[in-house]
């Protein structure tokens, strides 16, 4: 599971088993779910779910997925550094 849409595309490119991701704001760079257009089709093909939208960190939503591994960023707009503990 990825809490970082800026990393999700890379994970999908290396065939990581991504089941859920945080979603970015819906803009001209993303689809209507907040998936960046570069990897939105791949995410849809692999049934990747939106864990939370608009980069609003939601620890309860992450916990509900019961992920084996959580990948997140510690810098940038999708940073989860404050929630690391």
Protein backbone atom coordinates (compact mmCIF):
# COMPACT_ATOMS: atom_id res chain seq x y z
CA UNK A 1 0.00 0.00 0.00
CA UNK A 2 1.23 3.48 -0.86
CA UNK A 3 0.47 6.65 1.06
CA UNK A 4 2.26 8.61 -1.61
CA UNK A 5 0.77 9.12 -5.07
CA UNK A 6 4.17 10.41 -6.21
CA UNK A 7 5.62 6.97 -5.45
CA UNK A 8 2.67 4.81 -6.54
CA UNK A 9 3.54 5.05 -10.23
CA UNK A 10 7.05 3.75 -9.59
CA UNK A 11 5.70 0.88 -7.51
CA UNK A 12 3.31 -0.07 -10.30
CA UNK A 13 6.13 0.15 -12.87
CA UNK A 14 8.16 -2.46 -10.97
CA UNK A 15 5.08 -4.70 -10.57
CA UNK A 16 4.85 -4.20 -6.81
CA UNK A 17 1.57 -5.61 -5.48
CA UNK A 18 -0.07 -2.24 -4.75
CA UNK A 19 -3.63 -2.74 -3.47
CA UNK A 20 -4.33 0.80 -2.32
CA UNK A 21 -2.95 4.29 -2.60
CA UNK A 22 -3.56 7.77 -1.37
CA UNK A 23 -4.99 9.96 -4.09
CA UNK A 24 -3.87 13.41 -5.17
CA UNK A 25 -6.12 16.38 -5.75
CA UNK A 26 -8.17 16.07 -8.90
CA UNK A 27 -6.51 18.33 -11.48
CA UNK A 28 -5.57 18.25 -15.14
CA UNK A 29 -2.67 15.96 -14.10
CA UNK A 30 -4.94 13.32 -12.57
CA UNK A 31 -8.08 11.38 -13.33
CA UNK A 32 -11.34 11.81 -11.42
CA UNK A 33 -10.07 9.57 -8.58
CA UNK A 34 -6.86 11.54 -8.07
CA UNK A 35 -4.63 8.96 -9.81
CA UNK A 36 -1.92 10.66 -11.86
CA UNK A 37 -2.61 10.21 -15.56
CA UNK A 38 0.78 8.54 -16.16
CA UNK A 39 -0.26 5.49 -14.15
CA UNK A 40 -4.03 5.73 -13.74
CA UNK A 41 -4.77 3.09 -16.39
CA UNK A 42 -2.35 0.62 -14.82
CA UNK A 43 -3.85 1.23 -11.39
CA UNK A 44 -7.34 0.65 -12.77
CA UNK A 45 -6.22 -2.55 -14.52
CA UNK A 46 -4.80 -3.81 -11.22
CA UNK A 47 -7.83 -2.77 -9.16
CA UNK A 48 -5.84 -0.37 -6.97
CA UNK A 49 -8.22 1.28 -4.51
CA UNK A 50 -8.19 4.83 -3.19
CA UNK A 51 -7.32 4.65 0.51
CA UNK A 52 -7.91 8.35 1.11
CA UNK A 53 -8.36 11.37 -1.16
CA UNK A 54 -6.91 14.84 -1.58
CA UNK A 55 -3.67 13.97 0.25
CA UNK A 56 -5.54 14.14 3.57
CA UNK A 57 -3.71 11.52 5.63
CA UNK A 58 -6.17 9.10 7.21
CA UNK A 59 -4.53 6.60 9.53
CA UNK A 60 -7.82 4.81 10.19
CA UNK A 61 -8.33 4.24 6.45
CA UNK A 62 -4.79 2.86 6.17
CA UNK A 63 -5.39 0.57 9.14
CA UNK A 64 -8.64 -0.70 7.59
CA UNK A 65 -6.64 -2.09 4.64
CA UNK A 66 -4.53 -4.17 7.04
CA UNK A 67 -1.48 -3.73 4.78
CA UNK A 68 1.57 -5.94 5.02
CA UNK A 69 3.77 -3.00 4.00
CA UNK A 70 3.18 0.74 3.84
CA UNK A 71 5.28 2.87 1.50
CA UNK A 72 5.25 6.61 2.11
CA UNK A 73 7.13 9.79 1.39
CA UNK A 74 8.80 11.95 4.01
CA UNK A 75 9.01 15.06 1.84
CA UNK A 76 6.80 16.96 -0.57
CA UNK A 77 3.07 17.48 -0.72
CA UNK A 78 2.31 13.82 0.01
CA UNK A 79 4.64 13.52 3.00
CA UNK A 80 3.50 11.39 5.91
CA UNK A 81 6.49 12.31 8.08
CA UNK A 82 4.24 13.78 10.79
CA UNK A 83 2.35 10.48 11.07
CA UNK A 84 5.41 8.23 11.08
CA UNK A 85 5.33 7.50 14.80
